[in-house]
Amino acid sequence: MTIIGRIKTGDIKRASLELMERYPEKFGKDFDGNSKVLKELDIVTEKSARNKVAGYITRVKKRA
């Protein structure tokens, strides 16, 4: 079991949805692509948080 720290699920979802509203054309259905976009934007600095945001964005894009 790994300890993530203070990252909360609600914060990840809120940040993901806000980023998708701001940059709708940059994100797609590919996790690696979304992770690279987040790294380029340099908004989410922690790697674990960036991966969680990228994963949630990927899941939302695949459902739509």
C-alpha atoms as a PDB file:
ATOM      1  CA  MET A   1       0.000   0.000   0.000  1.00  0.00           C
ATOM      2  CA  THR A   2       1.367   3.375  -0.982  1.00  0.00           C
ATOM      3  CA  ILE A   3       0.593   6.590   0.799  1.00  0.00           C
ATOM      4  CA  ILE A   4      -0.395   9.257  -1.662  1.00  0.00           C
ATOM      5  CA  GLY A   5      -0.399  12.224   0.668  1.00  0.00           C
ATOM      6  CA  ARG A   6      -2.971  14.951   0.664  1.00  0.00           C
ATOM      7  CA  ILE A   7      -4.314  14.406  -2.860  1.00  0.00           C
ATOM      8  CA  LYS A   8      -8.079  13.977  -2.700  1.00  0.00           C
ATOM      9  CA  THR A   9     -10.298  12.433  -5.360  1.00  0.00           C
ATOM     10  CA  GLY A  10     -12.628  15.427  -5.476  1.00  0.00           C
ATOM     11  CA  ASP A  11      -9.699  17.751  -6.108  1.00  0.00           C
ATOM     12  CA  ILE A  12      -8.507  15.571  -8.995  1.00  0.00           C
ATOM     13  CA  LYS A  13     -11.961  15.545 -10.598  1.00  0.00           C
ATOM     14  CA  ARG A  14     -12.445  19.277 -10.126  1.00  0.00           C
ATOM     15  CA  ALA A  15      -9.030  20.096 -11.603  1.00  0.00           C
ATOM     16  CA  SER A  16      -9.574  17.711 -14.525  1.00  0.00           C
ATOM     17  CA  LEU A  17     -12.942  19.178 -15.460  1.00  0.00           C
ATOM     18  CA  GLU A  18     -11.610  22.725 -15.197  1.00  0.00           C
ATOM     19  CA  LEU A  19      -8.635  21.917 -17.427  1.00  0.00           C
ATOM     20  CA  MET A  20     -10.945  20.262 -19.961  1.00  0.00           C
ATOM     21  CA  GLU A  21     -13.042  23.444 -20.060  1.00  0.00           C
ATOM     22  CA  ARG A  22      -9.993  25.683 -20.510  1.00  0.00           C
ATOM     23  CA  TYR A  23      -8.186  23.529 -23.096  1.00  0.00           C
ATOM     24  CA  PRO A  24     -10.809  21.307 -24.772  1.00  0.00           C
ATOM     25  CA  GLU A  25      -8.828  20.808 -27.994  1.00  0.00           C
ATOM     26  CA  LYS A  26      -5.632  19.648 -26.274  1.00  0.00           C
ATOM     27  CA  PHE A  27      -6.961  16.524 -24.559  1.00  0.00           C
ATOM     28  CA  GLY A  28      -7.970  13.255 -26.195  1.00  0.00           C
ATOM     29  CA  LYS A  29      -8.617   9.592 -25.444  1.00  0.00           C
ATOM     30  CA  ASP A  30      -4.918   8.715 -25.025  1.00  0.00           C
ATOM     31  CA  PHE A  31      -3.466   8.663 -21.496  1.00  0.00           C
ATOM     32  CA  ASP A  32       0.139   9.231 -22.617  1.00  0.00           C
ATOM     33  CA  GLY A  33      -0.869  12.166 -24.784  1.00  0.00           C
ATOM     34  CA  ASN A  34      -2.894  13.725 -21.986  1.00  0.00           C
ATOM     35  CA  SER A  35      -0.003  13.257 -19.564  1.00  0.00           C
ATOM     36  CA  LYS A  36       2.377  15.016 -21.979  1.00  0.00           C
ATOM     37  CA  VAL A  37      -0.064  17.898 -22.415  1.00  0.00           C
ATOM     38  CA  LEU A  38      -0.280  18.330 -18.639  1.00  0.00           C
ATOM     39  CA  LYS A  39       3.506  18.281 -18.391  1.00  0.00           C
ATOM     40  CA  GLU A  40       3.773  20.953 -21.111  1.00  0.00           C
ATOM     41  CA  LEU A  41       1.141  23.130 -19.445  1.00  0.00           C
ATOM     42  CA  ASP A  42       3.108  22.776 -16.170  1.00  0.00           C
ATOM     43  CA  ILE A  43       0.006  23.310 -14.051  1.00  0.00           C
ATOM     44  CA  VAL A  44       0.104  20.037 -12.116  1.00  0.00           C
ATOM     45  CA  THR A  45       3.613  19.698 -10.714  1.00  0.00           C
ATOM     46  CA  GLU A  46       3.523  16.376  -8.824  1.00  0.00           C
ATOM     47  CA  LYS A  47       3.893  13.315 -11.026  1.00  0.00           C
ATOM     48  CA  SER A  48       1.326  11.239  -9.118  1.00  0.00           C
ATOM     49  CA  ALA A  49      -1.251  14.033  -9.288  1.00  0.00           C
ATOM     50  CA  ARG A  50      -0.518  14.606 -12.980  1.00  0.00           C
ATOM     51  CA  ASN A  51      -1.069  10.912 -13.715  1.00  0.00           C
ATOM     52  CA  LYS A  52      -4.351  10.899 -11.797  1.00  0.00           C
ATOM     53  CA  VAL A  53      -5.597  13.978 -13.640  1.00  0.00           C
ATOM     54  CA  ALA A  54      -4.523  12.510 -16.997  1.00  0.00           C
ATOM     55  CA  GLY A  55      -6.249   9.227 -16.147  1.00  0.00           C
ATOM     56  CA  TYR A  56      -9.486  10.924 -15.167  1.00  0.00           C
ATOM     57  CA  ILE A  57      -9.475  13.095 -18.305  1.00  0.00           C
ATOM     58  CA  THR A  58      -8.896   9.969 -20.416  1.00  0.00           C
ATOM     59  CA  ARG A  59     -11.787   8.170 -18.741  1.00  0.00           C
ATOM     60  CA  VAL A  60     -14.144  11.126 -19.252  1.00  0.00           C
ATOM     61  CA  LYS A  61     -13.129  11.516 -22.907  1.00  0.00           C
ATOM     62  CA  LYS A  62     -13.670   7.811 -23.609  1.00  0.00           C
ATOM     63  CA  ARG A  63     -17.178   7.948 -22.091  1.00  0.00           C
ATOM     64  CA  ALA A  64     -18.208  10.955 -24.188  1.00  0.00           C
END
